[in-house]
Amino acid sequence: MKHTKVFIAAIAITSLFMTACGTTSATNNSANSINKETDAVLEDSEDEVIDVIEASQETENQEETSISKADEYNDNLNKTINKSNKKSSLISFGNTDKIKFLDELPLYTKTALQNIKEQTASIVVNKKTKLSGFGTKYMASYYMITMDEYNRTQLEKAINQYINDFSNKKLNRKDTKSFKTYGKIEGRLDWGTIKASTPNYGYCTINLGYQFHGKSPYFTLTIFPTYNLHHDRDTRAQTDSIEVEIFLTKAQAKTLVSLYGQELVDMVLNENKIETFEQLQDVDEY
């Protein structure tokens, strides 16, 4: 009987122990389940945060790309405008509406190597300024020298004096200042890249004299660098002209003053039709 009680007590103790273990196991399982759910929630939250950050970064990248493209477009547009402005400044066509190009005559110009070169010049009348003179290619540009009636008359007097000195053997080959022997006159200088484009201009002093080249003397017009008034409107234009030296034989000098007189200027300004210069030189029949 005593052994039976002990056995029953043992069974009871074992049952209690197993119940306790079962309860602990259930508690642990419940805790593990809660932990797993918590971890899952945290993982989901982390994924959502990462997605938000990635989306934000993608948006920022798109905005930066858009800004970059806009800046690039503006830069290209500004370059195009600047290039167009520069081109239109350097090549400014349209002087033929105010410049009348007439008869031609040969003359000589100074070269970069200090020699002289024959050119074909054109008699010109500026209908806007009412000045006349001549234009010629000079080195890499085209230059026009024009004067009013008073200064053209002074030029004619200087040429006549030169021809007289030539005939009387008064020309001095060793005179280093002979380029201004016959004084100075005032005129206007226009120049540009080509004959039809001469936006640069300035008012100049023209030295009248002579120079020897080889054995031959030439009547000369010398213009030192002249300030470019067009530079005041467009600072990209050159500041000054180059030095200009024109050389004329006696025959060329006589022809020049006979072709650009005031009668011609008046005819052009009055828009009278001029067929040829030969007609102006025809002998009158009586």
Protein backbone atom coordinates (compact mmCIF):
# COMPACT_ATOMS: atom_id res chain seq x y z
CA MET A 1 0.00 0.00 0.00
CA LYS A 2 2.79 2.29 0.80
CA HIS A 3 4.49 1.54 -2.52
CA THR A 4 1.25 2.30 -4.30
CA LYS A 5 1.06 5.79 -2.79
CA VAL A 6 4.61 6.49 -3.76
CA PHE A 7 3.94 5.41 -7.36
CA ILE A 8 0.82 7.59 -7.55
CA ALA A 9 2.78 10.54 -6.16
CA ALA A 10 5.50 10.00 -8.75
CA ILE A 11 2.96 9.93 -11.51
CA ALA A 12 1.42 13.14 -10.21
CA ILE A 13 4.79 14.87 -10.05
CA THR A 14 5.67 13.73 -13.56
CA SER A 15 2.32 14.99 -14.86
CA LEU A 16 2.85 18.38 -13.24
CA PHE A 17 6.33 18.61 -14.72
CA MET A 18 5.13 17.78 -18.19
CA THR A 19 2.32 20.31 -17.89
CA ALA A 20 4.78 22.94 -16.85
CA CYS A 21 7.04 22.07 -19.76
CA GLY A 22 4.07 22.21 -22.11
CA THR A 23 3.13 25.63 -20.85
CA THR A 24 6.71 26.89 -21.25
CA SER A 25 6.88 25.47 -24.76
CA ALA A 26 3.60 27.13 -25.71
CA THR A 27 4.82 30.39 -24.24
CA ASN A 28 8.07 30.13 -26.19
CA ASN A 29 6.21 29.29 -29.37
CA SER A 30 3.96 32.27 -28.86
CA ALA A 31 6.94 34.55 -28.28
CA ASN A 32 8.69 33.17 -31.35
CA SER A 33 5.60 33.81 -33.40
CA ILE A 34 5.37 37.38 -32.15
CA ASN A 35 9.05 37.92 -32.92
CA LYS A 36 8.63 36.57 -36.42
CA GLU A 37 5.66 38.85 -37.06
CA THR A 38 7.59 41.82 -35.68
CA ASP A 39 10.57 40.99 -37.91
CA ALA A 40 8.27 40.71 -40.91
CA VAL A 41 6.72 44.10 -40.17
CA LEU A 42 10.15 45.66 -39.76
CA GLU A 43 11.36 44.11 -42.99
CA ASP A 44 8.28 45.41 -44.81
CA SER A 45 8.84 48.87 -43.33
CA GLU A 46 12.50 48.84 -44.35
CA ASP A 47 11.53 47.83 -47.88
CA GLU A 48 9.00 50.66 -48.04
CA VAL A 49 11.59 53.19 -46.80
CA ILE A 50 14.13 51.94 -49.33
CA ASP A 51 11.52 52.20 -52.10
CA VAL A 52 10.72 55.78 -51.06
CA ILE A 53 14.42 56.75 -51.00
CA GLU A 54 15.05 55.14 -54.39
CA ALA A 55 12.01 56.88 -55.87
CA SER A 56 13.18 60.20 -54.47
CA GLN A 57 16.67 59.71 -55.89
CA GLU A 58 15.23 58.79 -59.27
CA THR A 59 13.10 61.96 -59.23
CA GLU A 60 16.14 64.08 -58.33
CA ASN A 61 18.15 62.47 -61.15
CA GLN A 62 15.37 63.20 -63.62
CA GLU A 63 15.20 66.81 -62.46
CA GLU A 64 18.99 67.18 -62.75
CA THR A 65 18.88 65.66 -66.24
CA SER A 66 16.12 68.06 -67.25
CA ILE A 67 18.03 71.05 -65.88
CA SER A 68 21.21 69.87 -67.61
CA LYS A 69 19.40 69.54 -70.95
CA ALA A 70 17.82 72.96 -70.51
CA ASP A 71 21.21 74.51 -69.75
CA GLU A 72 22.73 72.77 -72.76
CA TYR A 73 19.91 74.05 -74.98
CA ASN A 74 20.37 77.61 -73.71
CA ASP A 75 24.14 77.42 -74.21
CA ASN A 76 23.70 76.18 -77.77
CA LEU A 77 21.12 78.88 -78.45
CA ASN A 78 23.42 81.61 -77.12
CA LYS A 79 26.31 80.27 -79.21
CA THR A 80 24.14 80.32 -82.31
CA ILE A 81 23.00 83.89 -81.64
CA ASN A 82 26.54 85.08 -80.94
CA LYS A 83 27.84 83.37 -84.06
CA SER A 84 25.09 84.94 -86.14
CA ASN A 85 25.75 88.39 -84.67
CA LYS A 86 29.46 88.06 -85.24
CA LYS A 87 28.97 86.93 -88.82
CA SER A 88 26.54 89.73 -89.60
CA SER A 89 29.00 92.24 -88.02
CA LEU A 90 32.01 91.05 -90.02
CA ILE A 91 30.10 90.75 -93.33
CA SER A 92 27.75 93.69 -93.63
CA PHE A 93 26.46 93.87 -97.18
CA GLY A 94 24.51 96.76 -98.61
CA ASN A 95 26.85 99.65 -99.42
CA THR A 96 25.82 99.56 -103.09
CA ASP A 97 22.67 101.50 -102.25
CA LYS A 98 24.78 104.52 -101.25
CA ILE A 99 28.00 103.96 -103.25
CA LYS A 100 28.03 104.43 -107.02
CA PHE A 101 30.90 102.51 -108.62
CA LEU A 102 31.83 104.06 -111.98
CA ASP A 103 34.75 103.98 -114.36
CA GLU A 104 37.99 102.14 -113.66
CA LEU A 105 41.64 103.13 -113.80
CA PRO A 106 44.94 101.47 -112.90
CA LEU A 107 47.07 102.55 -109.96
CA TYR A 108 49.60 101.02 -107.53
CA THR A 109 49.37 100.10 -103.85
CA LYS A 110 51.97 99.19 -101.23
CA THR A 111 52.35 95.47 -100.44
CA ALA A 112 53.16 93.78 -97.14
CA LEU A 113 56.74 93.33 -98.38
CA GLN A 114 57.06 97.09 -99.07
CA ASN A 115 56.90 96.66 -102.83
CA ILE A 116 54.21 98.18 -105.05
CA LYS A 117 51.54 96.26 -106.92
CA GLU A 118 49.27 97.35 -109.76
CA GLN A 119 45.55 97.33 -108.95
CA THR A 120 42.37 98.23 -110.81
CA ALA A 121 40.59 101.02 -108.97
CA SER A 122 37.02 102.29 -109.39
CA ILE A 123 35.86 105.89 -109.35
CA VAL A 124 33.24 106.13 -106.59
CA VAL A 125 30.60 108.62 -105.52
CA ASN A 126 29.05 108.31 -102.07
CA LYS A 127 25.44 109.46 -102.50
CA LYS A 128 24.96 109.74 -98.73
CA THR A 129 28.00 111.88 -97.88
CA LYS A 130 28.18 113.55 -101.35
CA LEU A 131 31.90 112.79 -101.47
CA SER A 132 33.77 111.30 -104.42
CA GLY A 133 37.10 109.61 -104.95
CA PHE A 134 38.22 106.08 -105.70
CA GLY A 135 38.23 102.60 -104.25
CA THR A 136 40.73 99.81 -104.62
CA LYS A 137 41.76 96.47 -103.22
CA TYR A 138 44.50 97.01 -100.65
CA MET A 139 46.28 93.93 -99.29
CA ALA A 140 43.48 91.75 -97.84
CA SER A 141 40.75 94.42 -97.78
CA TYR A 142 38.97 96.97 -99.95
CA TYR A 143 39.55 100.68 -99.26
CA MET A 144 37.77 103.80 -100.53
CA ILE A 145 39.22 107.31 -100.32
CA THR A 146 36.69 110.10 -100.88
CA MET A 147 36.84 113.90 -100.59
CA ASP A 148 34.65 116.94 -100.91
CA GLU A 149 35.01 119.46 -103.74
CA TYR A 150 37.49 121.70 -101.90
CA ASN A 151 39.90 118.89 -101.07
CA ARG A 152 39.63 117.40 -104.57
CA THR A 153 40.65 120.82 -105.91
CA GLN A 154 43.65 120.88 -103.56
CA LEU A 155 44.63 117.41 -104.74
CA GLU A 156 44.49 118.55 -108.35
CA LYS A 157 46.77 121.50 -107.55
CA ALA A 158 49.26 119.16 -105.84
CA ILE A 159 49.29 116.85 -108.84
CA ASN A 160 49.91 119.76 -111.20
CA GLN A 161 52.80 120.90 -109.00
CA TYR A 162 54.25 117.37 -108.99
CA ILE A 163 54.10 117.18 -112.79
CA ASN A 164 55.86 120.54 -113.01
CA ASP A 165 58.61 119.41 -110.59
CA PHE A 166 58.95 116.17 -112.53
CA SER A 167 59.42 118.02 -115.81
CA ASN A 168 61.97 120.40 -114.25
CA LYS A 169 63.94 117.59 -112.55
CA LYS A 170 63.27 118.93 -109.05
CA LEU A 171 62.38 115.59 -107.44
CA ASN A 172 64.84 114.52 -104.75
CA ARG A 173 65.41 110.78 -104.54
CA LYS A 174 67.10 111.07 -101.13
CA ASP A 175 64.39 113.13 -99.45
CA THR A 176 62.92 110.92 -96.67
CA LYS A 177 60.01 113.30 -96.14
CA SER A 178 59.00 113.62 -99.77
CA PHE A 179 55.71 111.83 -99.03
CA LYS A 180 54.33 115.16 -97.68
CA THR A 181 56.03 117.61 -100.05
CA TYR A 182 52.73 118.98 -101.41
CA GLY A 183 50.92 119.35 -98.14
CA LYS A 184 47.86 117.68 -96.65
CA ILE A 185 44.16 117.43 -97.41
CA GLU A 186 41.21 115.97 -95.53
CA GLY A 187 39.09 113.04 -96.61
CA ARG A 188 37.12 110.01 -95.57
CA LEU A 189 38.35 106.43 -95.49
CA ASP A 190 35.92 103.50 -95.81
CA TRP A 191 37.05 99.89 -95.74
CA GLY A 192 35.91 96.31 -95.33
CA THR A 193 36.49 92.72 -96.30
CA ILE A 194 35.24 93.08 -99.88
CA LYS A 195 34.09 95.78 -102.30
CA ALA A 196 30.40 95.35 -101.41
CA SER A 197 31.03 95.37 -97.65
CA THR A 198 32.76 98.41 -96.16
CA PRO A 199 31.21 99.06 -92.73
CA ASN A 200 34.41 100.54 -91.26
CA TYR A 201 35.04 104.25 -91.75
CA GLY A 202 36.87 107.25 -90.40
CA TYR A 203 37.90 110.78 -91.32
CA CYS A 204 41.54 111.05 -92.25
CA THR A 205 44.41 113.32 -93.18
CA ILE A 206 45.91 112.55 -96.61
CA ASN A 207 49.58 113.41 -97.12
CA LEU A 208 50.44 114.42 -100.70
CA GLY A 209 53.94 113.91 -102.10
CA TYR A 210 56.06 111.52 -104.07
CA GLN A 211 58.34 108.50 -103.64
CA PHE A 212 60.81 106.64 -105.82
CA HIS A 213 60.56 102.95 -106.50
CA GLY A 214 63.47 101.71 -108.52
CA LYS A 215 64.30 104.40 -111.05
CA SER A 216 60.75 105.74 -111.27
CA PRO A 217 59.04 108.39 -109.15
CA TYR A 218 55.33 108.21 -108.27
CA PHE A 219 52.88 110.74 -106.94
CA THR A 220 51.69 109.41 -103.57
CA LEU A 221 48.73 109.64 -101.20
CA THR A 222 49.71 108.48 -97.70
CA ILE A 223 47.15 107.89 -94.94
CA PHE A 224 48.37 106.86 -91.51
CA PRO A 225 46.22 104.49 -89.36
CA THR A 226 42.79 106.07 -88.96
CA TYR A 227 40.43 105.56 -86.04
CA ASN A 228 37.44 103.38 -86.97
CA LEU A 229 34.19 105.15 -85.99
CA HIS A 230 32.32 101.90 -86.59
CA HIS A 231 34.16 100.55 -83.53
CA ASP A 232 32.04 102.89 -81.35
CA ARG A 233 28.93 100.93 -82.39
CA ASP A 234 30.51 97.48 -82.53
CA THR A 235 33.48 96.87 -80.24
CA ARG A 236 34.30 93.66 -82.12
CA ALA A 237 35.31 95.72 -85.13
CA GLN A 238 38.97 96.68 -85.52
CA THR A 239 40.01 99.90 -83.79
CA ASP A 240 42.06 101.44 -86.60
CA SER A 241 42.76 101.05 -90.28
CA ILE A 242 46.17 100.02 -91.53
CA GLU A 243 48.48 102.56 -93.15
CA VAL A 244 47.42 103.16 -96.75
CA GLU A 245 49.80 104.28 -99.51
CA ILE A 246 48.65 104.91 -103.08
CA PHE A 247 51.12 105.38 -105.97
CA LEU A 248 50.23 107.09 -109.27
CA THR A 249 52.16 107.70 -112.46
CA LYS A 250 51.72 111.11 -114.10
CA ALA A 251 49.15 109.76 -116.53
CA GLN A 252 47.20 107.97 -113.79
CA ALA A 253 47.17 111.08 -111.59
CA LYS A 254 45.83 113.23 -114.46
CA THR A 255 43.15 110.67 -115.23
CA LEU A 256 42.06 110.45 -111.60
CA VAL A 257 41.30 114.16 -111.21
CA SER A 258 39.58 114.26 -114.60
CA LEU A 259 37.15 111.49 -113.68
CA TYR A 260 35.79 112.38 -110.26
CA GLY A 261 34.98 116.08 -110.58
CA GLN A 262 31.99 117.92 -109.16
CA GLU A 263 30.07 117.63 -112.42
CA LEU A 264 30.15 113.86 -112.05
CA VAL A 265 29.03 114.06 -108.42
CA ASP A 266 26.09 116.29 -109.35
CA MET A 267 25.03 113.92 -112.11
CA VAL A 268 25.05 110.94 -109.75
CA LEU A 269 23.20 112.81 -107.02
CA ASN A 270 20.59 113.93 -109.53
CA GLU A 271 20.33 110.31 -110.71
CA ASN A 272 21.02 111.25 -114.30
CA LYS A 273 21.81 108.26 -116.45
CA ILE A 274 25.49 107.82 -117.21
CA GLU A 275 26.16 105.35 -119.98
CA THR A 276 29.95 105.40 -120.18
CA PHE A 277 32.83 107.69 -119.34
CA GLU A 278 33.82 107.64 -122.98
CA GLN A 279 30.72 109.71 -123.69
CA LEU A 280 31.88 112.34 -121.20
CA GLN A 281 35.21 112.51 -123.02
CA ASP A 282 33.80 112.93 -126.53
CA VAL A 283 34.91 116.05 -128.37
CA ASP A 284 32.19 118.64 -128.80
CA GLU A 285 31.14 119.30 -132.41
CA TYR A 286 30.10 122.79 -133.36
